[in-house]
Amino acid sequence: MTESTERFKLKSAVYVLMRRGEEILLLQRKNTGYQDGNYGLPSGHMDGGELATHAAAREAKEETGVTINPADLKFVHATHRLDAGISSERVEFFFEATKWQGEPVNAEPEKCSDLAWFSVAELPATTIPLVRRVIQLSDKGVRYSEYAVELAGLE
């Protein structure tokens, strides 16, 4: 039996916390196969060959139609996530945006059934648990967390 020389490849994703005062923009997922019906942040996988801030700005544009200068994104949190439910392990980067060009709209109606501003203090009950947790942690200044769904029983 020959041993594989291929190294483990970790998936990566980016999220954007678009803030307007004490409110945050959330999107309700649909037809994605993951957390459909629940609220999350503008987010997506990194394509490779792009910096995390550029990927975050790209995802925000694709999902909300706004233009964010990558230099205006502030890193607020990273999480290492193990999720048995989707057989996935990934590192996720969360960035905060407080300025952008354009008004957020539902730019992907095939994947999003609602786009709305919510008070950070009163997030919808159907907010994705990981998203709720990261918003709370980042507001406390915590910059890193680990999220093991199969171990913690989260989500």
N, C-alpha and C. Protein backbone atom coordinates (compact mmCIF):
# COMPACT_ATOMS: atom_id res chain seq x y z
N MET A 1 0.84 -1.17 0.00
CA MET A 1 0.00 0.00 0.00
C MET A 1 0.89 1.24 0.00
N THR A 2 0.64 2.15 -0.93
CA THR A 2 1.43 3.37 -1.00
C THR A 2 0.75 4.47 -0.21
N GLU A 3 1.56 5.25 0.43
CA GLU A 3 1.05 6.34 1.24
C GLU A 3 0.84 7.57 0.36
N SER A 4 -0.27 8.24 0.54
CA SER A 4 -0.56 9.43 -0.23
C SER A 4 0.35 10.58 0.20
N THR A 5 0.85 11.31 -0.77
CA THR A 5 1.68 12.47 -0.47
C THR A 5 0.86 13.76 -0.55
N GLU A 6 -0.40 13.62 -0.89
CA GLU A 6 -1.26 14.81 -0.98
C GLU A 6 -1.63 15.27 0.42
N ARG A 7 -1.44 16.54 0.66
CA ARG A 7 -1.74 17.10 1.96
C ARG A 7 -3.22 17.44 2.08
N PHE A 8 -3.70 17.44 3.30
CA PHE A 8 -5.06 17.84 3.60
C PHE A 8 -5.28 19.28 3.15
N LYS A 9 -6.42 19.52 2.52
CA LYS A 9 -6.75 20.87 2.06
C LYS A 9 -7.95 21.37 2.85
N LEU A 10 -7.77 22.48 3.52
CA LEU A 10 -8.81 23.07 4.34
C LEU A 10 -9.63 24.04 3.50
N LYS A 11 -10.95 23.93 3.60
CA LYS A 11 -11.82 24.87 2.89
C LYS A 11 -11.82 26.19 3.66
N SER A 12 -12.08 27.26 2.95
CA SER A 12 -12.15 28.57 3.61
C SER A 12 -13.37 29.34 3.10
N ALA A 13 -13.90 30.15 3.98
CA ALA A 13 -15.07 30.96 3.64
C ALA A 13 -14.91 32.35 4.27
N VAL A 14 -15.65 33.28 3.72
CA VAL A 14 -15.64 34.66 4.22
C VAL A 14 -17.08 35.09 4.49
N TYR A 15 -17.24 35.95 5.49
CA TYR A 15 -18.54 36.50 5.88
C TYR A 15 -18.38 38.00 6.05
N VAL A 16 -19.48 38.73 5.78
CA VAL A 16 -19.45 40.18 5.93
C VAL A 16 -20.56 40.60 6.89
N LEU A 17 -20.16 41.24 7.99
CA LEU A 17 -21.10 41.82 8.92
C LEU A 17 -21.31 43.27 8.49
N MET A 18 -22.37 43.51 7.72
CA MET A 18 -22.68 44.87 7.28
C MET A 18 -23.47 45.53 8.39
N ARG A 19 -22.89 46.59 8.94
CA ARG A 19 -23.52 47.26 10.09
C ARG A 19 -23.97 48.66 9.71
N ARG A 20 -25.15 48.99 10.23
CA ARG A 20 -25.72 50.33 10.09
C ARG A 20 -26.16 50.73 11.50
N GLY A 21 -25.28 51.43 12.21
CA GLY A 21 -25.55 51.75 13.61
C GLY A 21 -25.60 50.47 14.43
N GLU A 22 -26.70 50.24 15.13
CA GLU A 22 -26.88 49.04 15.95
C GLU A 22 -27.57 47.91 15.18
N GLU A 23 -27.67 48.06 13.87
CA GLU A 23 -28.34 47.04 13.05
C GLU A 23 -27.32 46.30 12.19
N ILE A 24 -27.72 45.08 11.83
CA ILE A 24 -26.88 44.25 10.98
C ILE A 24 -27.75 43.69 9.85
N LEU A 25 -27.18 43.57 8.67
CA LEU A 25 -27.91 43.05 7.51
C LEU A 25 -27.85 41.53 7.50
N LEU A 26 -29.01 40.89 7.43
CA LEU A 26 -29.08 39.44 7.35
C LEU A 26 -29.86 39.03 6.11
N LEU A 27 -29.50 37.87 5.57
CA LEU A 27 -30.16 37.31 4.40
C LEU A 27 -30.79 35.98 4.79
N GLN A 28 -32.00 35.73 4.34
CA GLN A 28 -32.65 34.45 4.61
C GLN A 28 -32.36 33.49 3.46
N ARG A 29 -31.72 32.39 3.76
CA ARG A 29 -31.27 31.43 2.76
C ARG A 29 -32.43 30.62 2.19
N LYS A 30 -32.32 30.28 0.91
CA LYS A 30 -33.27 29.35 0.29
C LYS A 30 -32.60 28.64 -0.88
N ASN A 31 -33.02 27.41 -1.11
CA ASN A 31 -32.53 26.60 -2.24
C ASN A 31 -31.02 26.41 -2.27
N THR A 32 -30.38 26.40 -1.10
CA THR A 32 -28.93 26.23 -1.07
C THR A 32 -28.54 24.84 -0.56
N GLY A 33 -29.47 24.19 0.14
CA GLY A 33 -29.17 22.89 0.72
C GLY A 33 -28.51 22.98 2.08
N TYR A 34 -28.28 24.20 2.57
CA TYR A 34 -27.67 24.37 3.89
C TYR A 34 -28.37 25.52 4.62
N GLN A 35 -28.99 25.20 5.73
CA GLN A 35 -29.64 26.19 6.59
C GLN A 35 -30.72 27.00 5.86
N ASP A 36 -31.36 26.40 4.87
CA ASP A 36 -32.43 27.10 4.16
C ASP A 36 -33.54 27.51 5.13
N GLY A 37 -34.03 28.73 4.97
CA GLY A 37 -35.06 29.27 5.84
C GLY A 37 -34.49 30.05 7.01
N ASN A 38 -33.20 29.92 7.25
CA ASN A 38 -32.56 30.62 8.35
C ASN A 38 -31.80 31.84 7.85
N TYR A 39 -31.57 32.77 8.77
CA TYR A 39 -30.88 34.01 8.43
C TYR A 39 -29.38 33.89 8.65
N GLY A 40 -28.63 34.40 7.68
CA GLY A 40 -27.18 34.42 7.76
C GLY A 40 -26.64 35.74 7.24
N LEU A 41 -25.35 35.78 7.09
CA LEU A 41 -24.65 36.96 6.59
C LEU A 41 -24.30 36.79 5.12
N PRO A 42 -24.06 37.89 4.41
CA PRO A 42 -23.47 37.75 3.08
C PRO A 42 -22.17 36.95 3.25
N SER A 43 -22.03 35.89 2.49
CA SER A 43 -20.88 35.00 2.71
C SER A 43 -20.67 34.09 1.51
N GLY A 44 -19.55 33.40 1.53
CA GLY A 44 -19.28 32.41 0.50
C GLY A 44 -17.88 31.87 0.61
N HIS A 45 -17.61 30.91 -0.25
CA HIS A 45 -16.30 30.27 -0.29
C HIS A 45 -15.30 31.17 -1.01
N MET A 46 -14.07 31.06 -0.58
CA MET A 46 -13.01 31.74 -1.31
C MET A 46 -12.73 30.94 -2.57
N ASP A 47 -12.50 31.63 -3.67
CA ASP A 47 -12.30 30.96 -4.95
C ASP A 47 -10.89 30.45 -5.15
N GLY A 48 -9.95 30.89 -4.35
CA GLY A 48 -8.55 30.56 -4.57
C GLY A 48 -7.91 31.66 -5.39
N GLY A 49 -6.70 31.99 -5.07
CA GLY A 49 -6.02 33.06 -5.80
C GLY A 49 -6.56 34.43 -5.48
N GLU A 50 -7.30 34.56 -4.37
CA GLU A 50 -7.80 35.87 -3.97
C GLU A 50 -7.58 36.06 -2.47
N LEU A 51 -7.34 37.28 -2.09
CA LEU A 51 -7.17 37.59 -0.67
C LEU A 51 -8.54 37.55 0.01
N ALA A 52 -8.54 37.28 1.31
CA ALA A 52 -9.80 37.15 2.04
C ALA A 52 -10.65 38.41 1.95
N THR A 53 -10.04 39.59 2.06
CA THR A 53 -10.83 40.82 1.98
C THR A 53 -11.44 41.00 0.60
N HIS A 54 -10.74 40.58 -0.43
CA HIS A 54 -11.28 40.68 -1.80
C HIS A 54 -12.42 39.69 -1.98
N ALA A 55 -12.28 38.50 -1.42
CA ALA A 55 -13.36 37.51 -1.50
C ALA A 55 -14.60 38.02 -0.76
N ALA A 56 -14.41 38.64 0.39
CA ALA A 56 -15.54 39.18 1.15
C ALA A 56 -16.24 40.29 0.38
N ALA A 57 -15.47 41.17 -0.21
CA ALA A 57 -16.07 42.26 -1.02
C ALA A 57 -16.81 41.68 -2.22
N ARG A 58 -16.24 40.65 -2.85
CA ARG A 58 -16.89 40.00 -3.99
C ARG A 58 -18.21 39.37 -3.57
N GLU A 59 -18.21 38.64 -2.46
CA GLU A 59 -19.44 37.99 -2.00
C GLU A 59 -20.52 39.01 -1.65
N ALA A 60 -20.13 40.11 -1.01
CA ALA A 60 -21.10 41.16 -0.67
C ALA A 60 -21.72 41.73 -1.95
N LYS A 61 -20.90 41.92 -2.97
CA LYS A 61 -21.40 42.44 -4.26
C LYS A 61 -22.36 41.43 -4.90
N GLU A 62 -21.96 40.16 -4.93
CA GLU A 62 -22.80 39.13 -5.55
C GLU A 62 -24.15 38.98 -4.87
N GLU A 63 -24.16 39.08 -3.53
CA GLU A 63 -25.38 38.80 -2.79
C GLU A 63 -26.23 40.02 -2.48
N THR A 64 -25.60 41.20 -2.33
CA THR A 64 -26.36 42.39 -1.94
C THR A 64 -26.27 43.53 -2.94
N GLY A 65 -25.42 43.41 -3.96
CA GLY A 65 -25.30 44.44 -4.97
C GLY A 65 -24.46 45.64 -4.58
N VAL A 66 -23.95 45.68 -3.35
CA VAL A 66 -23.16 46.84 -2.93
C VAL A 66 -21.69 46.64 -3.29
N THR A 67 -20.99 47.74 -3.38
CA THR A 67 -19.55 47.71 -3.64
C THR A 67 -18.83 48.12 -2.37
N ILE A 68 -17.96 47.23 -1.90
CA ILE A 68 -17.15 47.50 -0.72
C ILE A 68 -15.69 47.50 -1.14
N ASN A 69 -14.99 48.53 -0.73
CA ASN A 69 -13.55 48.58 -0.96
C ASN A 69 -12.92 47.60 0.03
N PRO A 70 -12.17 46.61 -0.43
CA PRO A 70 -11.56 45.65 0.49
C PRO A 70 -10.77 46.32 1.62
N ALA A 71 -10.18 47.48 1.36
CA ALA A 71 -9.42 48.19 2.38
C ALA A 71 -10.31 48.72 3.50
N ASP A 72 -11.61 48.82 3.25
CA ASP A 72 -12.55 49.30 4.26
C ASP A 72 -13.09 48.18 5.14
N LEU A 73 -12.75 46.94 4.84
CA LEU A 73 -13.22 45.82 5.66
C LEU A 73 -12.32 45.66 6.87
N LYS A 74 -12.95 45.49 8.03
CA LYS A 74 -12.22 45.32 9.30
C LYS A 74 -12.36 43.88 9.74
N PHE A 75 -11.25 43.20 9.94
CA PHE A 75 -11.28 41.83 10.44
C PHE A 75 -11.84 41.85 11.86
N VAL A 76 -12.85 40.98 12.14
CA VAL A 76 -13.42 40.94 13.48
C VAL A 76 -13.39 39.55 14.12
N HIS A 77 -13.27 38.49 13.31
CA HIS A 77 -13.30 37.16 13.91
C HIS A 77 -12.86 36.10 12.89
N ALA A 78 -12.34 35.00 13.42
CA ALA A 78 -12.06 33.81 12.61
C ALA A 78 -12.52 32.61 13.42
N THR A 79 -13.01 31.62 12.72
CA THR A 79 -13.42 30.40 13.39
C THR A 79 -12.92 29.19 12.62
N HIS A 80 -12.54 28.17 13.37
CA HIS A 80 -12.21 26.87 12.79
C HIS A 80 -13.42 26.00 13.06
N ARG A 81 -14.07 25.55 12.00
CA ARG A 81 -15.34 24.82 12.15
C ARG A 81 -15.23 23.39 11.66
N LEU A 82 -15.67 22.48 12.52
CA LEU A 82 -15.87 21.08 12.15
C LEU A 82 -17.37 20.87 12.16
N ASP A 83 -17.92 20.40 11.05
CA ASP A 83 -19.37 20.25 10.95
C ASP A 83 -19.69 18.90 10.34
N ALA A 84 -20.03 17.94 11.20
CA ALA A 84 -20.34 16.59 10.74
C ALA A 84 -21.59 16.58 9.86
N GLY A 85 -22.49 17.53 10.11
CA GLY A 85 -23.73 17.59 9.33
C GLY A 85 -23.51 17.79 7.85
N ILE A 86 -22.43 18.45 7.49
CA ILE A 86 -22.14 18.67 6.07
C ILE A 86 -20.77 18.10 5.70
N SER A 87 -20.25 17.23 6.55
CA SER A 87 -18.93 16.61 6.32
C SER A 87 -17.91 17.65 5.89
N SER A 88 -17.74 18.65 6.73
CA SER A 88 -16.91 19.77 6.34
C SER A 88 -16.01 20.23 7.48
N GLU A 89 -14.84 20.67 7.11
CA GLU A 89 -13.94 21.35 8.03
C GLU A 89 -13.44 22.58 7.31
N ARG A 90 -13.53 23.71 7.98
CA ARG A 90 -13.13 24.94 7.31
C ARG A 90 -12.67 26.01 8.29
N VAL A 91 -11.96 26.96 7.75
CA VAL A 91 -11.61 28.17 8.47
C VAL A 91 -12.41 29.28 7.84
N GLU A 92 -13.05 30.08 8.71
CA GLU A 92 -13.92 31.14 8.21
C GLU A 92 -13.47 32.48 8.77
N PHE A 93 -13.45 33.47 7.88
CA PHE A 93 -13.02 34.82 8.23
C PHE A 93 -14.23 35.74 8.20
N PHE A 94 -14.40 36.52 9.26
CA PHE A 94 -15.51 37.45 9.38
C PHE A 94 -14.97 38.88 9.35
N PHE A 95 -15.55 39.68 8.48
CA PHE A 95 -15.14 41.08 8.32
C PHE A 95 -16.35 41.98 8.55
N GLU A 96 -16.08 43.14 9.12
CA GLU A 96 -17.13 44.13 9.34
C GLU A 96 -17.02 45.23 8.31
N ALA A 97 -18.18 45.62 7.79
CA ALA A 97 -18.26 46.74 6.86
C ALA A 97 -19.23 47.77 7.42
N THR A 98 -18.79 49.01 7.47
CA THR A 98 -19.67 50.09 7.91
C THR A 98 -19.86 51.13 6.81
N LYS A 99 -19.14 50.92 5.70
CA LYS A 99 -19.36 51.81 4.55
C LYS A 99 -19.25 51.00 3.26
N TRP A 100 -20.06 51.41 2.29
CA TRP A 100 -20.13 50.75 1.00
C TRP A 100 -20.82 51.69 0.04
N GLN A 101 -20.78 51.34 -1.22
CA GLN A 101 -21.47 52.14 -2.24
C GLN A 101 -22.70 51.37 -2.69
N GLY A 102 -23.83 52.07 -2.76
CA GLY A 102 -25.08 51.46 -3.18
C GLY A 102 -25.94 51.07 -2.00
N GLU A 103 -27.18 50.74 -2.29
CA GLU A 103 -28.14 50.30 -1.28
C GLU A 103 -28.27 48.78 -1.38
N PRO A 104 -28.15 48.06 -0.27
CA PRO A 104 -28.27 46.60 -0.33
C PRO A 104 -29.62 46.15 -0.89
N VAL A 105 -29.55 45.21 -1.81
CA VAL A 105 -30.75 44.60 -2.41
C VAL A 105 -30.53 43.09 -2.45
N ASN A 106 -31.59 42.36 -2.67
CA ASN A 106 -31.49 40.91 -2.83
C ASN A 106 -31.02 40.64 -4.26
N ALA A 107 -29.73 40.51 -4.42
CA ALA A 107 -29.14 40.32 -5.74
C ALA A 107 -29.14 38.86 -6.19
N GLU A 108 -29.51 37.93 -5.30
CA GLU A 108 -29.58 36.51 -5.64
C GLU A 108 -30.92 35.93 -5.16
N PRO A 109 -32.03 36.36 -5.76
CA PRO A 109 -33.34 35.89 -5.29
C PRO A 109 -33.54 34.38 -5.39
N GLU A 110 -32.74 33.71 -6.19
CA GLU A 110 -32.84 32.25 -6.29
C GLU A 110 -32.23 31.56 -5.07
N LYS A 111 -31.40 32.29 -4.30
CA LYS A 111 -30.75 31.74 -3.11
C LYS A 111 -31.16 32.46 -1.82
N CYS A 112 -31.96 33.50 -1.94
CA CYS A 112 -32.28 34.36 -0.79
C CYS A 112 -33.74 34.77 -0.85
N SER A 113 -34.50 34.49 0.22
CA SER A 113 -35.92 34.84 0.23
C SER A 113 -36.20 36.15 0.96
N ASP A 114 -35.22 36.68 1.70
CA ASP A 114 -35.41 37.94 2.42
C ASP A 114 -34.05 38.54 2.71
N LEU A 115 -34.01 39.85 2.69
CA LEU A 115 -32.81 40.61 3.04
C LEU A 115 -33.32 41.77 3.89
N ALA A 116 -32.88 41.86 5.14
CA ALA A 116 -33.41 42.90 6.02
C ALA A 116 -32.40 43.27 7.10
N TRP A 117 -32.59 44.48 7.63
CA TRP A 117 -31.79 44.97 8.75
C TRP A 117 -32.43 44.53 10.05
N PHE A 118 -31.62 44.06 10.99
CA PHE A 118 -32.11 43.63 12.30
C PHE A 118 -31.25 44.25 13.38
N SER A 119 -31.88 44.55 14.51
CA SER A 119 -31.14 45.01 15.67
C SER A 119 -30.24 43.87 16.15
N VAL A 120 -28.99 44.18 16.45
CA VAL A 120 -28.07 43.17 16.95
C VAL A 120 -28.59 42.60 18.26
N ALA A 121 -29.31 43.40 19.02
CA ALA A 121 -29.86 42.95 20.30
C ALA A 121 -31.08 42.05 20.13
N GLU A 122 -31.68 42.04 18.94
CA GLU A 122 -32.89 41.25 18.70
C GLU A 122 -32.80 40.54 17.35
N LEU A 123 -31.83 39.65 17.23
CA LEU A 123 -31.68 38.88 16.00
C LEU A 123 -32.87 37.92 15.87
N PRO A 124 -33.26 37.58 14.64
CA PRO A 124 -34.36 36.62 14.47
C PRO A 124 -34.05 35.28 15.13
N ALA A 125 -35.08 34.62 15.62
CA ALA A 125 -34.92 33.30 16.24
C ALA A 125 -34.31 32.32 15.26
N THR A 126 -34.51 32.56 13.98
CA THR A 126 -34.01 31.64 12.94
C THR A 126 -32.63 32.07 12.40
N THR A 127 -31.89 32.83 13.19
CA THR A 127 -30.52 33.17 12.79
C THR A 127 -29.67 31.91 12.93
N ILE A 128 -28.85 31.63 11.93
CA ILE A 128 -27.95 30.47 11.97
C ILE A 128 -27.12 30.56 13.26
N PRO A 129 -27.09 29.49 14.06
CA PRO A 129 -26.38 29.54 15.34
C PRO A 129 -24.93 30.01 15.26
N LEU A 130 -24.19 29.56 14.27
CA LEU A 130 -22.81 30.01 14.12
C LEU A 130 -22.77 31.52 13.94
N VAL A 131 -23.64 32.06 13.11
CA VAL A 131 -23.68 33.50 12.84
C VAL A 131 -24.02 34.27 14.12
N ARG A 132 -25.04 33.81 14.83
CA ARG A 132 -25.42 34.46 16.09
C ARG A 132 -24.22 34.48 17.05
N ARG A 133 -23.57 33.34 17.17
CA ARG A 133 -22.44 33.21 18.09
C ARG A 133 -21.29 34.14 17.71
N VAL A 134 -20.96 34.21 16.43
CA VAL A 134 -19.85 35.06 15.99
C VAL A 134 -20.19 36.53 16.18
N ILE A 135 -21.43 36.93 15.93
CA ILE A 135 -21.82 38.32 16.17
C ILE A 135 -21.61 38.66 17.63
N GLN A 136 -22.06 37.80 18.52
CA GLN A 136 -21.92 38.03 19.96
C GLN A 136 -20.45 38.07 20.37
N LEU A 137 -19.66 37.12 19.89
CA LEU A 137 -18.24 37.07 20.25
C LEU A 137 -17.48 38.28 19.72
N SER A 138 -17.73 38.64 18.46
CA SER A 138 -17.00 39.77 17.88
C SER A 138 -17.37 41.07 18.58
N ASP A 139 -18.63 41.20 19.03
CA ASP A 139 -19.03 42.40 19.77
C ASP A 139 -18.32 42.49 21.12
N LYS A 140 -17.86 41.35 21.64
CA LYS A 140 -17.11 41.32 22.90
C LYS A 140 -15.61 41.43 22.67
N GLY A 141 -15.20 41.54 21.40
CA GLY A 141 -13.78 41.65 21.09
C GLY A 141 -13.06 40.33 20.96
N VAL A 142 -13.79 39.21 20.99
CA VAL A 142 -13.18 37.89 20.83
C VAL A 142 -12.89 37.69 19.34
N ARG A 143 -11.66 37.39 19.01
CA ARG A 143 -11.26 37.33 17.60
C ARG A 143 -11.15 35.92 17.03
N TYR A 144 -11.22 34.89 17.89
CA TYR A 144 -11.09 33.52 17.39
C TYR A 144 -11.98 32.59 18.20
N SER A 145 -12.59 31.63 17.51
CA SER A 145 -13.36 30.58 18.20
C SER A 145 -13.29 29.30 17.40
N GLU A 146 -13.62 28.23 18.07
CA GLU A 146 -13.71 26.92 17.42
C GLU A 146 -15.14 26.46 17.53
N TYR A 147 -15.61 25.84 16.48
CA TYR A 147 -17.02 25.48 16.38
C TYR A 147 -17.11 24.04 15.88
N ALA A 148 -17.32 23.13 16.81
CA ALA A 148 -17.38 21.72 16.45
C ALA A 148 -18.80 21.21 16.65
N VAL A 149 -19.57 21.17 15.58
CA VAL A 149 -20.99 20.82 15.66
C VAL A 149 -21.19 19.44 16.24
N GLU A 150 -20.44 18.46 15.78
CA GLU A 150 -20.64 17.11 16.27
C GLU A 150 -20.20 16.93 17.72
N LEU A 151 -19.35 17.82 18.21
CA LEU A 151 -18.89 17.71 19.60
C LEU A 151 -19.76 18.52 20.55
N ALA A 152 -20.18 19.71 20.11
CA ALA A 152 -20.90 20.60 21.00
C ALA A 152 -22.41 20.48 20.86
N GLY A 153 -22.88 19.79 19.82
CA GLY A 153 -24.31 19.67 19.60
C GLY A 153 -24.92 20.98 19.13
N LEU A 154 -24.11 21.87 18.58
CA LEU A 154 -24.61 23.14 18.09
C LEU A 154 -25.24 22.95 16.72
N GLU A 155 -26.06 23.90 16.34
CA GLU A 155 -26.81 23.88 15.08
C GLU A 155 -27.71 22.70 15.11
